[in-house]
Amino acid sequence: MRHFILFVVLAFSQEFFAQEHFPTQITGITTLYNNPLEGVFVINKTSEKGVQTDKEGRFSIAVKKGDIVVFSSLMTKEMQVQVDEKLNITNFLVIELSAQSNQLREVVVRSYNGTNARALGIIPQDTKSYTAAERKLKTATDLKGAGGGICLDPVLNLISGRTAMLKKELAVEKKEDFMEMLEKLFDRNHFVNKLSIPEDYVKGFEYYAVENPYFTKILNSKNKVATEFLLGELALKYKDIIACENE
């Protein structure tokens, strides 16, 4: 009888210890306006592991008591949930997210004595501002001449290959902008120490990352949590490429 009681106590202690110290899974669904939301980043900030919700908005992620789980996407506000007694992880969780609102910056109205080209109607109010590469490409491909007639320059540019060259120049300009954004968000130590990218390969990895259109979309959203998670996923793939090259 004494051995049986000891066995029960030990079994209970082991189960309690396992619940307290070993990861378990939480499953659930993310919604927006009561509709399932696909592509939400579900990230355990403690373990730095994450997943994305599927087409039905469902997710499953390993957690333990005290962990912080972040829900983040392009369309919604970031939401954090702590794994504690209040969170019943044995149930299927429904995470209702809020839509991301684009707040306008404060508008300051000042009175000016002078006038400008837009105020005089010389330049339309909704005229788009172009970068240097965009301006060159537009000029080279615009069929409408200054007098309203048809300009032959775009045709000649297309035949000569200048248009293709300018498109490449524009693509390079955009990639350089993304590289600058990436380096402002994460310093070199992050790539070397946290992502374990060899120091000689850091610049190559940055180019590899900005070649990914989905990553640049997330990067351009300025959502650091989602960007960092996706950067970690790309780092794993890039290290596999390095390993294959070095074999």
C-alpha atoms as a PDB file:
ATOM      1  CA  MET A   1       0.000   0.000   0.000  1.00  0.00           C
ATOM      2  CA  ARG A   2       2.844   2.360   0.886  1.00  0.00           C
ATOM      3  CA  HIS A   3       4.517   1.671  -2.475  1.00  0.00           C
ATOM      4  CA  PHE A   4       1.235   2.330  -4.285  1.00  0.00           C
ATOM      5  CA  ILE A   5       0.775   5.725  -2.569  1.00  0.00           C
ATOM      6  CA  LEU A   6       4.387   6.644  -3.381  1.00  0.00           C
ATOM      7  CA  PHE A   7       3.806   5.685  -7.023  1.00  0.00           C
ATOM      8  CA  VAL A   8       0.673   7.883  -7.221  1.00  0.00           C
ATOM      9  CA  VAL A   9       2.489  10.848  -5.632  1.00  0.00           C
ATOM     10  CA  LEU A  10       5.427  10.490  -8.020  1.00  0.00           C
ATOM     11  CA  ALA A  11       3.126  10.179 -11.022  1.00  0.00           C
ATOM     12  CA  PHE A  12       1.173  13.276  -9.979  1.00  0.00           C
ATOM     13  CA  SER A  13       4.420  15.208  -9.377  1.00  0.00           C
ATOM     14  CA  GLN A  14       5.763  14.269 -12.783  1.00  0.00           C
ATOM     15  CA  GLU A  15       2.538  15.338 -14.481  1.00  0.00           C
ATOM     16  CA  PHE A  16       2.556  18.660 -12.575  1.00  0.00           C
ATOM     17  CA  PHE A  17       6.240  19.238 -13.400  1.00  0.00           C
ATOM     18  CA  ALA A  18       5.567  18.484 -17.060  1.00  0.00           C
ATOM     19  CA  GLN A  19       2.703  20.974 -17.158  1.00  0.00           C
ATOM     20  CA  GLU A  20       4.798  23.651 -15.491  1.00  0.00           C
ATOM     21  CA  HIS A  21       8.057  23.301 -17.393  1.00  0.00           C
ATOM     22  CA  PHE A  22       7.487  21.609 -20.725  1.00  0.00           C
ATOM     23  CA  PRO A  23       5.894  23.211 -23.784  1.00  0.00           C
ATOM     24  CA  THR A  24       2.353  22.375 -24.767  1.00  0.00           C
ATOM     25  CA  GLN A  25       0.330  23.317 -27.823  1.00  0.00           C
ATOM     26  CA  ILE A  26      -2.302  26.006 -28.066  1.00  0.00           C
ATOM     27  CA  THR A  27      -4.609  25.887 -31.046  1.00  0.00           C
ATOM     28  CA  GLY A  28      -7.161  28.350 -32.278  1.00  0.00           C
ATOM     29  CA  ILE A  29      -8.387  30.625 -35.015  1.00  0.00           C
ATOM     30  CA  THR A  30      -7.785  34.300 -35.781  1.00  0.00           C
ATOM     31  CA  THR A  31     -10.714  36.390 -37.010  1.00  0.00           C
ATOM     32  CA  LEU A  32     -11.412  39.894 -38.265  1.00  0.00           C
ATOM     33  CA  TYR A  33     -15.030  41.080 -38.133  1.00  0.00           C
ATOM     34  CA  ASN A  34     -15.954  37.463 -37.242  1.00  0.00           C
ATOM     35  CA  ASN A  35     -14.347  36.154 -40.447  1.00  0.00           C
ATOM     36  CA  PRO A  36     -11.340  33.766 -40.419  1.00  0.00           C
ATOM     37  CA  LEU A  37      -8.110  35.603 -41.265  1.00  0.00           C
ATOM     38  CA  GLU A  38      -5.338  33.907 -43.251  1.00  0.00           C
ATOM     39  CA  GLY A  39      -1.650  34.857 -43.095  1.00  0.00           C
ATOM     40  CA  VAL A  40      -1.517  36.175 -39.523  1.00  0.00           C
ATOM     41  CA  PHE A  41       1.903  35.780 -37.886  1.00  0.00           C
ATOM     42  CA  VAL A  42       1.568  33.921 -34.563  1.00  0.00           C
ATOM     43  CA  ILE A  43       4.889  34.324 -32.762  1.00  0.00           C
ATOM     44  CA  ASN A  44       6.040  33.072 -29.358  1.00  0.00           C
ATOM     45  CA  LYS A  45       8.271  35.962 -28.247  1.00  0.00           C
ATOM     46  CA  THR A  46       9.931  33.824 -25.561  1.00  0.00           C
ATOM     47  CA  SER A  47      10.979  30.901 -27.761  1.00  0.00           C
ATOM     48  CA  GLU A  48      11.214  33.098 -30.906  1.00  0.00           C
ATOM     49  CA  LYS A  49       9.284  30.458 -32.837  1.00  0.00           C
ATOM     50  CA  GLY A  50       6.303  31.245 -34.990  1.00  0.00           C
ATOM     51  CA  VAL A  51       3.718  30.066 -37.493  1.00  0.00           C
ATOM     52  CA  GLN A  52       1.228  31.628 -39.891  1.00  0.00           C
ATOM     53  CA  THR A  53      -2.506  31.001 -39.906  1.00  0.00           C
ATOM     54  CA  ASP A  54      -3.870  28.858 -42.744  1.00  0.00           C
ATOM     55  CA  LYS A  55      -6.729  29.621 -45.161  1.00  0.00           C
ATOM     56  CA  GLU A  56      -9.242  28.978 -42.383  1.00  0.00           C
ATOM     57  CA  GLY A  57      -7.412  31.236 -39.954  1.00  0.00           C
ATOM     58  CA  ARG A  58      -6.263  28.290 -37.836  1.00  0.00           C
ATOM     59  CA  PHE A  59      -2.971  28.024 -35.948  1.00  0.00           C
ATOM     60  CA  SER A  60      -1.137  25.755 -33.527  1.00  0.00           C
ATOM     61  CA  ILE A  61       1.966  26.797 -31.587  1.00  0.00           C
ATOM     62  CA  ALA A  62       4.072  25.417 -28.727  1.00  0.00           C
ATOM     63  CA  VAL A  63       4.010  27.436 -25.481  1.00  0.00           C
ATOM     64  CA  LYS A  64       4.675  27.172 -21.773  1.00  0.00           C
ATOM     65  CA  LYS A  65       3.475  29.165 -18.796  1.00  0.00           C
ATOM     66  CA  GLY A  66       4.634  32.782 -18.855  1.00  0.00           C
ATOM     67  CA  ASP A  67       5.228  32.968 -22.616  1.00  0.00           C
ATOM     68  CA  ILE A  68       3.983  35.937 -24.639  1.00  0.00           C
ATOM     69  CA  VAL A  69       2.277  35.110 -27.944  1.00  0.00           C
ATOM     70  CA  VAL A  70       2.044  37.897 -30.530  1.00  0.00           C
ATOM     71  CA  PHE A  71      -0.574  38.033 -33.297  1.00  0.00           C
ATOM     72  CA  SER A  72       0.433  40.354 -36.124  1.00  0.00           C
ATOM     73  CA  SER A  73      -0.506  41.010 -39.763  1.00  0.00           C
ATOM     74  CA  LEU A  74      -0.569  43.752 -42.386  1.00  0.00           C
ATOM     75  CA  MET A  75      -4.308  44.283 -41.964  1.00  0.00           C
ATOM     76  CA  THR A  76      -4.609  44.218 -38.184  1.00  0.00           C
ATOM     77  CA  LYS A  77      -3.291  45.831 -35.034  1.00  0.00           C
ATOM     78  CA  GLU A  78      -0.723  43.797 -33.120  1.00  0.00           C
ATOM     79  CA  MET A  79      -2.174  41.768 -30.234  1.00  0.00           C
ATOM     80  CA  GLN A  80      -0.263  40.090 -27.391  1.00  0.00           C
ATOM     81  CA  VAL A  81      -1.546  37.245 -25.224  1.00  0.00           C
ATOM     82  CA  GLN A  82       0.213  35.916 -22.128  1.00  0.00           C
ATOM     83  CA  VAL A  83       0.054  32.217 -21.316  1.00  0.00           C
ATOM     84  CA  ASP A  84      -1.154  32.127 -17.700  1.00  0.00           C
ATOM     85  CA  GLU A  85      -3.999  30.818 -15.561  1.00  0.00           C
ATOM     86  CA  LYS A  86      -6.477  33.152 -17.277  1.00  0.00           C
ATOM     87  CA  LEU A  87      -5.773  31.566 -20.661  1.00  0.00           C
ATOM     88  CA  ASN A  88      -7.440  28.180 -20.873  1.00  0.00           C
ATOM     89  CA  ILE A  89      -5.031  26.474 -23.247  1.00  0.00           C
ATOM     90  CA  THR A  90      -7.080  23.253 -23.199  1.00  0.00           C
ATOM     91  CA  ASN A  91      -9.792  25.009 -25.225  1.00  0.00           C
ATOM     92  CA  PHE A  92      -9.820  26.066 -28.866  1.00  0.00           C
ATOM     93  CA  LEU A  93      -9.009  29.787 -28.763  1.00  0.00           C
ATOM     94  CA  VAL A  94     -10.766  32.397 -30.880  1.00  0.00           C
ATOM     95  CA  ILE A  95      -8.525  35.467 -31.287  1.00  0.00           C
ATOM     96  CA  GLU A  96     -10.543  38.459 -32.514  1.00  0.00           C
ATOM     97  CA  LEU A  97      -8.190  41.024 -34.062  1.00  0.00           C
ATOM     98  CA  SER A  98      -8.828  44.717 -34.755  1.00  0.00           C
ATOM     99  CA  ALA A  99      -8.391  46.328 -38.155  1.00  0.00           C
ATOM    100  CA  GLN A 100      -5.311  48.455 -38.699  1.00  0.00           C
ATOM    101  CA  SER A 101      -6.364  52.082 -39.017  1.00  0.00           C
ATOM    102  CA  ASN A 102      -4.200  54.415 -41.059  1.00  0.00           C
ATOM    103  CA  GLN A 103      -3.909  57.493 -38.902  1.00  0.00           C
ATOM    104  CA  LEU A 104      -3.325  60.769 -40.712  1.00  0.00           C
ATOM    105  CA  ARG A 105      -0.574  62.986 -39.481  1.00  0.00           C
ATOM    106  CA  GLU A 106      -1.545  66.287 -37.946  1.00  0.00           C
ATOM    107  CA  VAL A 107      -2.214  68.888 -40.622  1.00  0.00           C
ATOM    108  CA  VAL A 108      -0.855  72.352 -39.926  1.00  0.00           C
ATOM    109  CA  VAL A 109      -2.405  75.185 -41.947  1.00  0.00           C
ATOM    110  CA  ARG A 110      -0.230  78.226 -42.460  1.00  0.00           C
ATOM    111  CA  SER A 111      -0.776  81.422 -44.383  1.00  0.00           C
ATOM    112  CA  TYR A 112       1.739  82.275 -47.099  1.00  0.00           C
ATOM    113  CA  ASN A 113       1.958  85.532 -49.017  1.00  0.00           C
ATOM    114  CA  GLY A 114       3.606  83.911 -52.018  1.00  0.00           C
ATOM    115  CA  THR A 115       2.169  81.482 -54.524  1.00  0.00           C
ATOM    116  CA  ASN A 116       3.528  78.350 -56.164  1.00  0.00           C
ATOM    117  CA  ALA A 117       3.068  76.359 -59.352  1.00  0.00           C
ATOM    118  CA  ARG A 118       0.384  74.105 -57.857  1.00  0.00           C
ATOM    119  CA  ALA A 119      -1.551  77.067 -56.424  1.00  0.00           C
ATOM    120  CA  LEU A 120      -1.515  78.768 -59.855  1.00  0.00           C
ATOM    121  CA  GLY A 121      -2.705  75.590 -61.563  1.00  0.00           C
ATOM    122  CA  ILE A 122       0.483  75.189 -63.603  1.00  0.00           C
ATOM    123  CA  ILE A 123       1.107  71.796 -61.966  1.00  0.00           C
ATOM    124  CA  PRO A 124      -1.967  69.700 -61.040  1.00  0.00           C
ATOM    125  CA  GLN A 125      -2.513  69.218 -57.308  1.00  0.00           C
ATOM    126  CA  ASP A 126      -2.451  65.416 -57.621  1.00  0.00           C
ATOM    127  CA  THR A 127       0.800  65.262 -59.597  1.00  0.00           C
ATOM    128  CA  LYS A 128       2.836  62.227 -58.553  1.00  0.00           C
ATOM    129  CA  SER A 129       6.397  62.709 -57.339  1.00  0.00           C
ATOM    130  CA  TYR A 130       8.899  60.424 -59.090  1.00  0.00           C
ATOM    131  CA  THR A 131      12.306  59.160 -58.098  1.00  0.00           C
ATOM    132  CA  ALA A 132      15.177  59.706 -60.536  1.00  0.00           C
ATOM    133  CA  ALA A 133      14.890  56.174 -61.953  1.00  0.00           C
ATOM    134  CA  GLU A 134      11.085  56.389 -62.223  1.00  0.00           C
ATOM    135  CA  ARG A 135      11.327  59.750 -64.020  1.00  0.00           C
ATOM    136  CA  LYS A 136      13.833  58.392 -66.567  1.00  0.00           C
ATOM    137  CA  LEU A 137      11.654  55.345 -67.268  1.00  0.00           C
ATOM    138  CA  LYS A 138       8.483  57.419 -67.645  1.00  0.00           C
ATOM    139  CA  THR A 139      10.194  59.807 -70.061  1.00  0.00           C
ATOM    140  CA  ALA A 140      11.579  56.920 -72.102  1.00  0.00           C
ATOM    141  CA  THR A 141       8.221  55.101 -72.386  1.00  0.00           C
ATOM    142  CA  ASP A 142       5.732  57.978 -72.716  1.00  0.00           C
ATOM    143  CA  LEU A 143       4.246  57.862 -76.226  1.00  0.00           C
ATOM    144  CA  LYS A 144       2.552  61.252 -75.879  1.00  0.00           C
ATOM    145  CA  GLY A 145       4.678  64.082 -77.226  1.00  0.00           C
ATOM    146  CA  ALA A 146       4.856  67.618 -75.897  1.00  0.00           C
ATOM    147  CA  GLY A 147       2.430  68.925 -78.569  1.00  0.00           C
ATOM    148  CA  GLY A 148      -0.093  66.158 -78.015  1.00  0.00           C
ATOM    149  CA  GLY A 149       1.170  64.048 -80.907  1.00  0.00           C
ATOM    150  CA  ILE A 150       2.833  60.653 -80.838  1.00  0.00           C
ATOM    151  CA  CYS A 151       6.498  60.542 -79.854  1.00  0.00           C
ATOM    152  CA  LEU A 152       8.700  57.937 -81.562  1.00  0.00           C
ATOM    153  CA  ASP A 153      11.388  57.947 -78.841  1.00  0.00           C
ATOM    154  CA  PRO A 154       9.688  55.221 -76.734  1.00  0.00           C
ATOM    155  CA  VAL A 155       9.561  52.938 -79.794  1.00  0.00           C
ATOM    156  CA  LEU A 156      13.245  53.537 -80.495  1.00  0.00           C
ATOM    157  CA  ASN A 157      14.074  53.029 -76.809  1.00  0.00           C
ATOM    158  CA  LEU A 158      12.211  49.708 -76.835  1.00  0.00           C
ATOM    159  CA  ILE A 159      14.036  48.521 -79.944  1.00  0.00           C
ATOM    160  CA  SER A 160      17.452  49.653 -78.706  1.00  0.00           C
ATOM    161  CA  GLY A 161      17.003  48.009 -75.297  1.00  0.00           C
ATOM    162  CA  ARG A 162      17.172  51.302 -73.363  1.00  0.00           C
ATOM    163  CA  THR A 163      13.721  50.718 -71.848  1.00  0.00           C
ATOM    164  CA  ALA A 164      14.799  47.333 -70.466  1.00  0.00           C
ATOM    165  CA  MET A 165      17.947  48.934 -69.077  1.00  0.00           C
ATOM    166  CA  LEU A 166      15.919  51.668 -67.334  1.00  0.00           C
ATOM    167  CA  LYS A 167      13.543  49.077 -65.862  1.00  0.00           C
ATOM    168  CA  LYS A 168      16.522  47.263 -64.404  1.00  0.00           C
ATOM    169  CA  GLU A 169      17.824  50.550 -63.025  1.00  0.00           C
ATOM    170  CA  LEU A 170      14.457  51.170 -61.330  1.00  0.00           C
ATOM    171  CA  ALA A 171      14.453  47.640 -59.855  1.00  0.00           C
ATOM    172  CA  VAL A 172      17.977  48.192 -58.483  1.00  0.00           C
ATOM    173  CA  GLU A 173      16.905  51.499 -56.945  1.00  0.00           C
ATOM    174  CA  LYS A 174      13.985  49.834 -55.162  1.00  0.00           C
ATOM    175  CA  LYS A 175      16.205  47.032 -53.848  1.00  0.00           C
ATOM    176  CA  GLU A 176      18.682  49.584 -52.520  1.00  0.00           C
ATOM    177  CA  ASP A 177      15.817  51.323 -50.704  1.00  0.00           C
ATOM    178  CA  PHE A 178      14.771  48.004 -49.149  1.00  0.00           C
ATOM    179  CA  MET A 179      18.380  47.278 -48.164  1.00  0.00           C
ATOM    180  CA  GLU A 180      18.536  50.643 -46.396  1.00  0.00           C
ATOM    181  CA  MET A 181      15.259  49.929 -44.562  1.00  0.00           C
ATOM    182  CA  LEU A 182      16.523  46.494 -43.499  1.00  0.00           C
ATOM    183  CA  GLU A 183      19.816  47.853 -42.160  1.00  0.00           C
ATOM    184  CA  LYS A 184      17.989  50.542 -40.185  1.00  0.00           C
ATOM    185  CA  LEU A 185      15.810  47.908 -38.492  1.00  0.00           C
ATOM    186  CA  PHE A 186      18.559  45.372 -37.709  1.00  0.00           C
ATOM    187  CA  ASP A 187      22.260  45.962 -37.119  1.00  0.00           C
ATOM    188  CA  ARG A 188      25.067  43.603 -38.197  1.00  0.00           C
ATOM    189  CA  ASN A 189      25.158  41.928 -34.765  1.00  0.00           C
ATOM    190  CA  HIS A 190      21.567  40.765 -35.256  1.00  0.00           C
ATOM    191  CA  PHE A 191      22.494  38.908 -38.445  1.00  0.00           C
ATOM    192  CA  VAL A 192      25.702  37.402 -37.034  1.00  0.00           C
ATOM    193  CA  ASN A 193      24.753  36.627 -33.423  1.00  0.00           C
ATOM    194  CA  LYS A 194      21.011  36.070 -33.539  1.00  0.00           C
ATOM    195  CA  LEU A 195      20.489  34.621 -37.020  1.00  0.00           C
ATOM    196  CA  SER A 196      23.924  32.902 -37.094  1.00  0.00           C
ATOM    197  CA  ILE A 197      24.774  34.220 -40.548  1.00  0.00           C
ATOM    198  CA  PRO A 198      28.567  34.053 -41.136  1.00  0.00           C
ATOM    199  CA  GLU A 199      29.963  37.589 -41.114  1.00  0.00           C
ATOM    200  CA  ASP A 200      31.295  37.336 -44.668  1.00  0.00           C
ATOM    201  CA  TYR A 201      27.815  36.371 -45.895  1.00  0.00           C
ATOM    202  CA  VAL A 202      25.747  39.118 -44.197  1.00  0.00           C
ATOM    203  CA  LYS A 203      25.585  41.422 -47.222  1.00  0.00           C
ATOM    204  CA  GLY A 204      24.738  38.482 -49.465  1.00  0.00           C
ATOM    205  CA  PHE A 205      21.932  37.471 -47.117  1.00  0.00           C
ATOM    206  CA  GLU A 206      20.521  41.009 -47.179  1.00  0.00           C
ATOM    207  CA  TYR A 207      20.399  40.862 -50.996  1.00  0.00           C
ATOM    208  CA  TYR A 208      18.818  37.403 -50.764  1.00  0.00           C
ATOM    209  CA  ALA A 209      16.112  38.723 -48.419  1.00  0.00           C
ATOM    210  CA  VAL A 210      15.149  41.763 -50.513  1.00  0.00           C
ATOM    211  CA  GLU A 211      14.852  39.533 -53.598  1.00  0.00           C
ATOM    212  CA  ASN A 212      11.835  37.930 -51.894  1.00  0.00           C
ATOM    213  CA  PRO A 213       8.708  39.950 -52.867  1.00  0.00           C
ATOM    214  CA  TYR A 214       6.697  38.739 -49.865  1.00  0.00           C
ATOM    215  CA  PHE A 215       9.468  39.771 -47.483  1.00  0.00           C
ATOM    216  CA  THR A 216       9.747  43.256 -49.039  1.00  0.00           C
ATOM    217  CA  LYS A 217       5.982  43.645 -48.664  1.00  0.00           C
ATOM    218  CA  ILE A 218       6.243  42.879 -44.943  1.00  0.00           C
ATOM    219  CA  LEU A 219       9.369  45.044 -44.631  1.00  0.00           C
ATOM    220  CA  ASN A 220       7.607  47.952 -46.311  1.00  0.00           C
ATOM    221  CA  SER A 221       4.750  47.678 -43.789  1.00  0.00           C
ATOM    222  CA  LYS A 222       7.270  48.587 -41.032  1.00  0.00           C
ATOM    223  CA  ASN A 223       5.913  45.751 -38.858  1.00  0.00           C
ATOM    224  CA  LYS A 224       9.123  44.804 -37.033  1.00  0.00           C
ATOM    225  CA  VAL A 225       7.720  41.685 -35.314  1.00  0.00           C
ATOM    226  CA  ALA A 226       6.517  40.147 -38.590  1.00  0.00           C
ATOM    227  CA  THR A 227       9.681  41.265 -40.420  1.00  0.00           C
ATOM    228  CA  GLU A 228      11.949  39.701 -37.795  1.00  0.00           C
ATOM    229  CA  PHE A 229      10.027  36.424 -37.867  1.00  0.00           C
ATOM    230  CA  LEU A 230      10.129  36.159 -41.658  1.00  0.00           C
ATOM    231  CA  LEU A 231      13.809  37.166 -41.669  1.00  0.00           C
ATOM    232  CA  GLY A 232      14.512  34.217 -39.360  1.00  0.00           C
ATOM    233  CA  GLU A 233      12.745  31.850 -41.769  1.00  0.00           C
ATOM    234  CA  LEU A 234      14.781  33.185 -44.695  1.00  0.00           C
ATOM    235  CA  ALA A 235      17.995  32.847 -42.663  1.00  0.00           C
ATOM    236  CA  LEU A 236      17.396  29.099 -42.256  1.00  0.00           C
ATOM    237  CA  LYS A 237      16.998  28.683 -46.024  1.00  0.00           C
ATOM    238  CA  TYR A 238      20.027  30.854 -46.754  1.00  0.00           C
ATOM    239  CA  LYS A 239      22.240  28.836 -44.392  1.00  0.00           C
ATOM    240  CA  ASP A 240      21.154  25.684 -46.230  1.00  0.00           C
ATOM    241  CA  ILE A 241      22.279  27.308 -49.501  1.00  0.00           C
ATOM    242  CA  ILE A 242      25.651  28.201 -47.953  1.00  0.00           C
ATOM    243  CA  ALA A 243      26.072  24.646 -46.680  1.00  0.00           C
ATOM    244  CA  CYS A 244      25.396  23.198 -50.148  1.00  0.00           C
ATOM    245  CA  GLU A 245      27.860  25.601 -51.764  1.00  0.00           C
ATOM    246  CA  ASN A 246      30.587  24.645 -49.288  1.00  0.00           C
ATOM    247  CA  GLU A 247      30.221  20.895 -49.748  1.00  0.00           C
END
